Every structure is written in structure tokens, then in C-alpha cells.
Amino acid sequence: MEQKQEVRRETKQVFPDDQVFLKDGKPCWFLPLANITLLEVAGGFTKVYFDEFSPSIPRAPQLLGSST
């Protein structure tokens, strides 16, 4: 387990079992990346689709001109 975490830190890779925290106003979720089915970028927001939810998360201003 510790070796797996070290590889993740060194490579900066993410894996399906990594967890992410999402907040859309008051509702919030802590879920594995594997649960996310679609990311939709629209203007200053990214819509994250998982289960029956699709919260819109604001994008950082420095990312607005980037496709990554």
C-alpha cells in the first residue's frame, strides 16, 4: 500500500480508486474517480456526472484559457 502511494506521488497519476471531494453550494460528495462517468466543460464551470447527480464545479481562472 505504501509503495503504491509513493508511485502516485512521484508520477502524479490518478487511479480509479482515488477519491475526490466535490462541492456544489451546500451539497457535497466524496467519491472514487471510478464513479465519475462524464466531465463536461462549459465556460467557467465543469459539470461532473456521477450516479444520479451532475454538480457544476467552478474552474480556476488560470485554467479557463486551457483545454486541460
PDB file of N, CA and C in Angstrom:
ATOM      1  N   MET A   1       0.835  -1.195   0.000  1.00  0.00           N
ATOM      2  CA  MET A   1       0.000   0.000   0.000  1.00  0.00           C
ATOM      3  C   MET A   1       0.877   1.255   0.000  1.00  0.00           C
ATOM      4  N   GLU A   2       1.887   1.286   0.858  1.00  0.00           N
ATOM      5  CA  GLU A   2       2.750   2.459   0.948  1.00  0.00           C
ATOM      6  C   GLU A   2       3.514   2.667  -0.360  1.00  0.00           C
ATOM      7  N   GLN A   3       3.940   1.584  -0.992  1.00  0.00           N
ATOM      8  CA  GLN A   3       4.666   1.673  -2.260  1.00  0.00           C
ATOM      9  C   GLN A   3       3.746   2.239  -3.349  1.00  0.00           C
ATOM     10  N   LYS A   4       2.493   1.846  -3.350  1.00  0.00           N
ATOM     11  CA  LYS A   4       1.515   2.347  -4.320  1.00  0.00           C
ATOM     12  C   LYS A   4       1.337   3.859  -4.173  1.00  0.00           C
ATOM     13  N   GLN A   5       1.251   4.353  -2.948  1.00  0.00           N
ATOM     14  CA  GLN A   5       1.108   5.785  -2.707  1.00  0.00           C
ATOM     15  C   GLN A   5       2.349   6.542  -3.153  1.00  0.00           C
ATOM     16  N   GLU A   6       3.525   5.964  -2.956  1.00  0.00           N
ATOM     17  CA  GLU A   6       4.767   6.602  -3.378  1.00  0.00           C
ATOM     18  C   GLU A   6       4.818   6.742  -4.898  1.00  0.00           C
ATOM     19  N   VAL A   7       4.392   5.719  -5.622  1.00  0.00           N
ATOM     20  CA  VAL A   7       4.347   5.774  -7.086  1.00  0.00           C
ATOM     21  C   VAL A   7       3.395   6.874  -7.530  1.00  0.00           C
ATOM     22  N   ARG A   8       2.264   7.001  -6.886  1.00  0.00           N
ATOM     23  CA  ARG A   8       1.293   8.045  -7.229  1.00  0.00           C
ATOM     24  C   ARG A   8       1.874   9.436  -7.025  1.00  0.00           C
ATOM     25  N   ARG A   9       2.593   9.627  -5.947  1.00  0.00           N
ATOM     26  CA  ARG A   9       3.205  10.937  -5.675  1.00  0.00           C
ATOM     27  C   ARG A   9       4.264  11.267  -6.712  1.00  0.00           C
ATOM     28  N   GLU A  10       5.093  10.293  -7.041  1.00  0.00           N
ATOM     29  CA  GLU A  10       6.193  10.524  -7.983  1.00  0.00           C
ATOM     30  C   GLU A  10       5.696  10.777  -9.402  1.00  0.00           C
ATOM     31  N   THR A  11       4.658  10.085  -9.828  1.00  0.00           N
ATOM     32  CA  THR A  11       4.190  10.189 -11.210  1.00  0.00           C
ATOM     33  C   THR A  11       3.048  11.188 -11.370  1.00  0.00           C
ATOM     34  N   LYS A  12       2.440  11.585 -10.267  1.00  0.00           N
ATOM     35  CA  LYS A  12       1.277  12.479 -10.275  1.00  0.00           C
ATOM     36  C   LYS A  12       0.120  11.898 -11.089  1.00  0.00           C
ATOM     37  N   GLN A  13       0.030  10.580 -11.121  1.00  0.00           N
ATOM     38  CA  GLN A  13      -1.063   9.905 -11.804  1.00  0.00           C
ATOM     39  C   GLN A  13      -2.234   9.722 -10.847  1.00  0.00           C
ATOM     40  N   VAL A  14      -3.421   9.624 -11.432  1.00  0.00           N
ATOM     41  CA  VAL A  14      -4.605   9.303 -10.645  1.00  0.00           C
ATOM     42  C   VAL A  14      -5.121   7.955 -11.114  1.00  0.00           C
ATOM     43  N   PHE A  15      -5.791   7.266 -10.213  1.00  0.00           N
ATOM     44  CA  PHE A  15      -6.281   5.929 -10.477  1.00  0.00           C
ATOM     45  C   PHE A  15      -7.761   5.853 -10.111  1.00  0.00           C
ATOM     46  N   PRO A  16      -8.508   4.902 -10.673  1.00  0.00           N
ATOM     47  CA  PRO A  16      -9.950   4.814 -10.428  1.00  0.00           C
ATOM     48  C   PRO A  16     -10.342   4.753  -8.956  1.00  0.00           C
ATOM     49  N   ASP A  17      -9.494   4.186  -8.111  1.00  0.00           N
ATOM     50  CA  ASP A  17      -9.850   4.089  -6.690  1.00  0.00           C
ATOM     51  C   ASP A  17      -9.459   5.332  -5.891  1.00  0.00           C
ATOM     52  N   ASP A  18      -8.789   6.309  -6.521  1.00  0.00           N
ATOM     53  CA  ASP A  18      -8.514   7.584  -5.844  1.00  0.00           C
ATOM     54  C   ASP A  18      -9.839   8.295  -5.579  1.00  0.00           C
ATOM     55  N   GLN A  19      -9.894   9.040  -4.491  1.00  0.00           N
ATOM     56  CA  GLN A  19     -11.135   9.707  -4.118  1.00  0.00           C
ATOM     57  C   GLN A  19     -11.048  11.204  -4.394  1.00  0.00           C
ATOM     58  N   VAL A  20     -12.195  11.815  -4.660  1.00  0.00           N
ATOM     59  CA  VAL A  20     -12.274  13.239  -4.936  1.00  0.00           C
ATOM     60  C   VAL A  20     -13.419  13.835  -4.111  1.00  0.00           C
ATOM     61  N   PHE A  21     -13.219  15.076  -3.667  1.00  0.00           N
ATOM     62  CA  PHE A  21     -14.256  15.800  -2.933  1.00  0.00           C
ATOM     63  C   PHE A  21     -14.859  16.824  -3.879  1.00  0.00           C
ATOM     64  N   LEU A  22     -16.181  16.817  -4.026  1.00  0.00           N
ATOM     65  CA  LEU A  22     -16.895  17.770  -4.871  1.00  0.00           C
ATOM     66  C   LEU A  22     -17.898  18.533  -4.028  1.00  0.00           C
ATOM     67  N   LYS A  23     -18.015  19.831  -4.291  1.00  0.00           N
ATOM     68  CA  LYS A  23     -18.978  20.656  -3.569  1.00  0.00           C
ATOM     69  C   LYS A  23     -19.673  21.566  -4.566  1.00  0.00           C
ATOM     70  N   ASP A  24     -21.011  21.585  -4.505  1.00  0.00           N
ATOM     71  CA  ASP A  24     -21.830  22.426  -5.373  1.00  0.00           C
ATOM     72  C   ASP A  24     -22.817  23.165  -4.482  1.00  0.00           C
ATOM     73  N   GLY A  25     -22.388  24.319  -3.961  1.00  0.00           N
ATOM     74  CA  GLY A  25     -23.211  25.024  -2.976  1.00  0.00           C
ATOM     75  C   GLY A  25     -23.160  24.259  -1.664  1.00  0.00           C
ATOM     76  N   LYS A  26     -24.328  23.907  -1.117  1.00  0.00           N
ATOM     77  CA  LYS A  26     -24.362  23.143   0.129  1.00  0.00           C
ATOM     78  C   LYS A  26     -24.135  21.656  -0.078  1.00  0.00           C
ATOM     79  N   PRO A  27     -24.695  21.058  -1.153  1.00  0.00           N
ATOM     80  CA  PRO A  27     -24.451  19.621  -1.328  1.00  0.00           C
ATOM     81  C   PRO A  27     -22.975  19.331  -1.597  1.00  0.00           C
ATOM     82  N   CYS A  28     -22.477  18.227  -1.039  1.00  0.00           N
ATOM     83  CA  CYS A  28     -21.094  17.827  -1.303  1.00  0.00           C
ATOM     84  C   CYS A  28     -21.010  16.306  -1.322  1.00  0.00           C
ATOM     85  N   TRP A  29     -19.978  15.809  -1.990  1.00  0.00           N
ATOM     86  CA  TRP A  29     -19.779  14.382  -2.176  1.00  0.00           C
ATOM     87  C   TRP A  29     -18.304  14.058  -2.044  1.00  0.00           C
ATOM     88  N   PHE A  30     -18.021  12.858  -1.556  1.00  0.00           N
ATOM     89  CA  PHE A  30     -16.679  12.304  -1.509  1.00  0.00           C
ATOM     90  C   PHE A  30     -16.790  10.950  -2.193  1.00  0.00           C
ATOM     91  N   LEU A  31     -16.201  10.818  -3.385  1.00  0.00           N
ATOM     92  CA  LEU A  31     -16.423   9.618  -4.162  1.00  0.00           C
ATOM     93  C   LEU A  31     -15.169   9.179  -4.915  1.00  0.00           C
ATOM     94  N   PRO A  32     -15.108   7.904  -5.286  1.00  0.00           N
ATOM     95  CA  PRO A  32     -13.983   7.424  -6.083  1.00  0.00           C
ATOM     96  C   PRO A  32     -14.084   7.958  -7.517  1.00  0.00           C
ATOM     97  N   LEU A  33     -12.951   8.202  -8.147  1.00  0.00           N
ATOM     98  CA  LEU A  33     -12.948   8.680  -9.528  1.00  0.00           C
ATOM     99  C   LEU A  33     -13.680   7.721 -10.457  1.00  0.00           C
ATOM    100  N   ALA A  34     -13.669   6.446 -10.157  1.00  0.00           N
ATOM    101  CA  ALA A  34     -14.334   5.440 -10.987  1.00  0.00           C
ATOM    102  C   ALA A  34     -15.832   5.701 -11.106  1.00  0.00           C
ATOM    103  N   ASN A  35     -16.425   6.406 -10.152  1.00  0.00           N
ATOM    104  CA  ASN A  35     -17.864   6.700 -10.201  1.00  0.00           C
ATOM    105  C   ASN A  35     -18.199   7.823 -11.180  1.00  0.00           C
ATOM    106  N   ILE A  36     -17.213   8.615 -11.574  1.00  0.00           N
ATOM    107  CA  ILE A  36     -17.467   9.733 -12.484  1.00  0.00           C
ATOM    108  C   ILE A  36     -17.571   9.183 -13.897  1.00  0.00           C
ATOM    109  N   THR A  37     -18.706   9.463 -14.547  1.00  0.00           N
ATOM    110  CA  THR A  37     -18.948   8.933 -15.883  1.00  0.00           C
ATOM    111  C   THR A  37     -18.665   9.945 -16.989  1.00  0.00           C
ATOM    112  N   LEU A  38     -18.710  11.247 -16.668  1.00  0.00           N
ATOM    113  CA  LEU A  38     -18.508  12.264 -17.695  1.00  0.00           C
ATOM    114  C   LEU A  38     -18.104  13.578 -17.050  1.00  0.00           C
ATOM    115  N   LEU A  39     -17.187  14.297 -17.698  1.00  0.00           N
ATOM    116  CA  LEU A  39     -16.833  15.667 -17.328  1.00  0.00           C
ATOM    117  C   LEU A  39     -17.183  16.537 -18.524  1.00  0.00           C
ATOM    118  N   GLU A  40     -18.004  17.547 -18.312  1.00  0.00           N
ATOM    119  CA  GLU A  40     -18.439  18.437 -19.392  1.00  0.00           C
ATOM    120  C   GLU A  40     -18.004  19.864 -19.053  1.00  0.00           C
ATOM    121  N   VAL A  41     -17.113  20.425 -19.869  1.00  0.00           N
ATOM    122  CA  VAL A  41     -16.597  21.767 -19.632  1.00  0.00           C
ATOM    123  C   VAL A  41     -17.472  22.759 -20.390  1.00  0.00           C
ATOM    124  N   ALA A  42     -17.954  23.776 -19.681  1.00  0.00           N
ATOM    125  CA  ALA A  42     -18.786  24.820 -20.286  1.00  0.00           C
ATOM    126  C   ALA A  42     -18.437  26.147 -19.634  1.00  0.00           C
ATOM    127  N   GLY A  43     -17.723  27.008 -20.380  1.00  0.00           N
ATOM    128  CA  GLY A  43     -17.351  28.312 -19.837  1.00  0.00           C
ATOM    129  C   GLY A  43     -16.484  28.165 -18.612  1.00  0.00           C
ATOM    130  N   GLY A  44     -16.904  28.794 -17.528  1.00  0.00           N
ATOM    131  CA  GLY A  44     -16.128  28.796 -16.299  1.00  0.00           C
ATOM    132  C   GLY A  44     -16.452  27.648 -15.363  1.00  0.00           C
ATOM    133  N   PHE A  45     -17.184  26.645 -15.849  1.00  0.00           N
ATOM    134  CA  PHE A  45     -17.593  25.541 -14.987  1.00  0.00           C
ATOM    135  C   PHE A  45     -17.299  24.200 -15.639  1.00  0.00           C
ATOM    136  N   THR A  46     -17.143  23.189 -14.810  1.00  0.00           N
ATOM    137  CA  THR A  46     -17.074  21.803 -15.272  1.00  0.00           C
ATOM    138  C   THR A  46     -18.220  21.060 -14.606  1.00  0.00           C
ATOM    139  N   LYS A  47     -19.056  20.432 -15.417  1.00  0.00           N
ATOM    140  CA  LYS A  47     -20.165  19.642 -14.905  1.00  0.00           C
ATOM    141  C   LYS A  47     -19.664  18.211 -14.747  1.00  0.00           C
ATOM    142  N   VAL A  48     -19.821  17.666 -13.556  1.00  0.00           N
ATOM    143  CA  VAL A  48     -19.328  16.333 -13.219  1.00  0.00           C
ATOM    144  C   VAL A  48     -20.524  15.397 -13.080  1.00  0.00           C
ATOM    145  N   TYR A  49     -20.572  14.360 -13.902  1.00  0.00           N
ATOM    146  CA  TYR A  49     -21.688  13.412 -13.887  1.00  0.00           C
ATOM    147  C   TYR A  49     -21.286  12.147 -13.145  1.00  0.00           C
ATOM    148  N   PHE A  50     -22.087  11.758 -12.161  1.00  0.00           N
ATOM    149  CA  PHE A  50     -21.892  10.512 -11.415  1.00  0.00           C
ATOM    150  C   PHE A  50     -23.209  10.142 -10.765  1.00  0.00           C
ATOM    151  N   ASP A  51     -23.458   8.843 -10.648  1.00  0.00           N
ATOM    152  CA  ASP A  51     -24.719   8.339 -10.096  1.00  0.00           C
ATOM    153  C   ASP A  51     -25.875   9.113 -10.711  1.00  0.00           C
ATOM    154  N   GLU A  52     -26.769   9.667  -9.919  1.00  0.00           N
ATOM    155  CA  GLU A  52     -27.872  10.473 -10.459  1.00  0.00           C
ATOM    156  C   GLU A  52     -27.608  11.972 -10.323  1.00  0.00           C
ATOM    157  N   PHE A  53     -26.376  12.344 -10.009  1.00  0.00           N
ATOM    158  CA  PHE A  53     -26.012  13.739  -9.768  1.00  0.00           C
ATOM    159  C   PHE A  53     -25.188  14.321 -10.914  1.00  0.00           C
ATOM    160  N   SER A  54     -25.218  15.654 -11.034  1.00  0.00           N
ATOM    161  CA  SER A  54     -24.375  16.343 -12.022  1.00  0.00           C
ATOM    162  C   SER A  54     -24.092  17.770 -11.546  1.00  0.00           C
ATOM    163  N   PRO A  55     -23.302  17.904 -10.478  1.00  0.00           N
ATOM    164  CA  PRO A  55     -22.988  19.248  -9.968  1.00  0.00           C
ATOM    165  C   PRO A  55     -22.074  20.014 -10.925  1.00  0.00           C
ATOM    166  N   SER A  56     -22.186  21.339 -10.904  1.00  0.00           N
ATOM    167  CA  SER A  56     -21.309  22.209 -11.686  1.00  0.00           C
ATOM    168  C   SER A  56     -20.251  22.783 -10.760  1.00  0.00           C
ATOM    169  N   ILE A  57     -18.999  22.558 -11.109  1.00  0.00           N
ATOM    170  CA  ILE A  57     -17.868  22.981 -10.292  1.00  0.00           C
ATOM    171  C   ILE A  57     -17.157  24.126 -11.006  1.00  0.00           C
ATOM    172  N   PRO A  58     -16.944  25.272 -10.338  1.00  0.00           N
ATOM    173  CA  PRO A  58     -16.231  26.377 -10.994  1.00  0.00           C
ATOM    174  C   PRO A  58     -14.806  25.978 -11.350  1.00  0.00           C
ATOM    175  N   ARG A  59     -14.347  26.415 -12.523  1.00  0.00           N
ATOM    176  CA  ARG A  59     -12.967  26.168 -12.948  1.00  0.00           C
ATOM    177  C   ARG A  59     -12.097  27.320 -12.478  1.00  0.00           C
ATOM    178  N   ALA A  60     -10.842  27.015 -12.162  1.00  0.00           N
ATOM    179  CA  ALA A  60      -9.894  28.052 -11.744  1.00  0.00           C
ATOM    180  C   ALA A  60      -9.664  29.015 -12.901  1.00  0.00           C
ATOM    181  N   PRO A  61      -9.593  30.330 -12.645  1.00  0.00           N
ATOM    182  CA  PRO A  61      -9.399  31.308 -13.722  1.00  0.00           C
ATOM    183  C   PRO A  61      -8.185  31.028 -14.605  1.00  0.00           C
ATOM    184  N   GLN A  62      -7.099  30.517 -14.032  1.00  0.00           N
ATOM    185  CA  GLN A  62      -5.909  30.236 -14.838  1.00  0.00           C
ATOM    186  C   GLN A  62      -6.132  29.072 -15.795  1.00  0.00           C
ATOM    187  N   LEU A  63      -7.170  28.268 -15.595  1.00  0.00           N
ATOM    188  CA  LEU A  63      -7.457  27.139 -16.481  1.00  0.00           C
ATOM    189  C   LEU A  63      -8.437  27.495 -17.589  1.00  0.00           C
ATOM    190  N   LEU A  64      -9.072  28.656 -17.515  1.00  0.00           N
ATOM    191  CA  LEU A  64     -10.115  28.993 -18.474  1.00  0.00           C
ATOM    192  C   LEU A  64      -9.604  29.062 -19.919  1.00  0.00           C
ATOM    193  N   GLY A  65      -8.368  29.452 -20.114  1.00  0.00           N
ATOM    194  CA  GLY A  65      -7.817  29.518 -21.461  1.00  0.00           C
ATOM    195  C   GLY A  65      -7.163  28.231 -21.897  1.00  0.00           C
ATOM    196  N   SER A  66      -7.216  27.196 -21.047  1.00  0.00           N
ATOM    197  CA  SER A  66      -6.544  25.927 -21.319  1.00  0.00           C
ATOM    198  C   SER A  66      -7.559  24.826 -21.574  1.00  0.00           C
ATOM    199  N   SER A  67      -7.203  23.890 -22.418  1.00  0.00           N
ATOM    200  CA  SER A  67      -8.080  22.756 -22.678  1.00  0.00           C
ATOM    201  C   SER A  67      -7.820  21.598 -21.726  1.00  0.00           C
ATOM    202  N   THR A  68      -6.867  21.766 -20.798  1.00  0.00           N
ATOM    203  CA  THR A  68      -6.569  20.687 -19.851  1.00  0.00           C
ATOM    204  C   THR A  68      -7.149  20.982 -18.501  1.00  0.00           C
TER     205      THR A  68
END
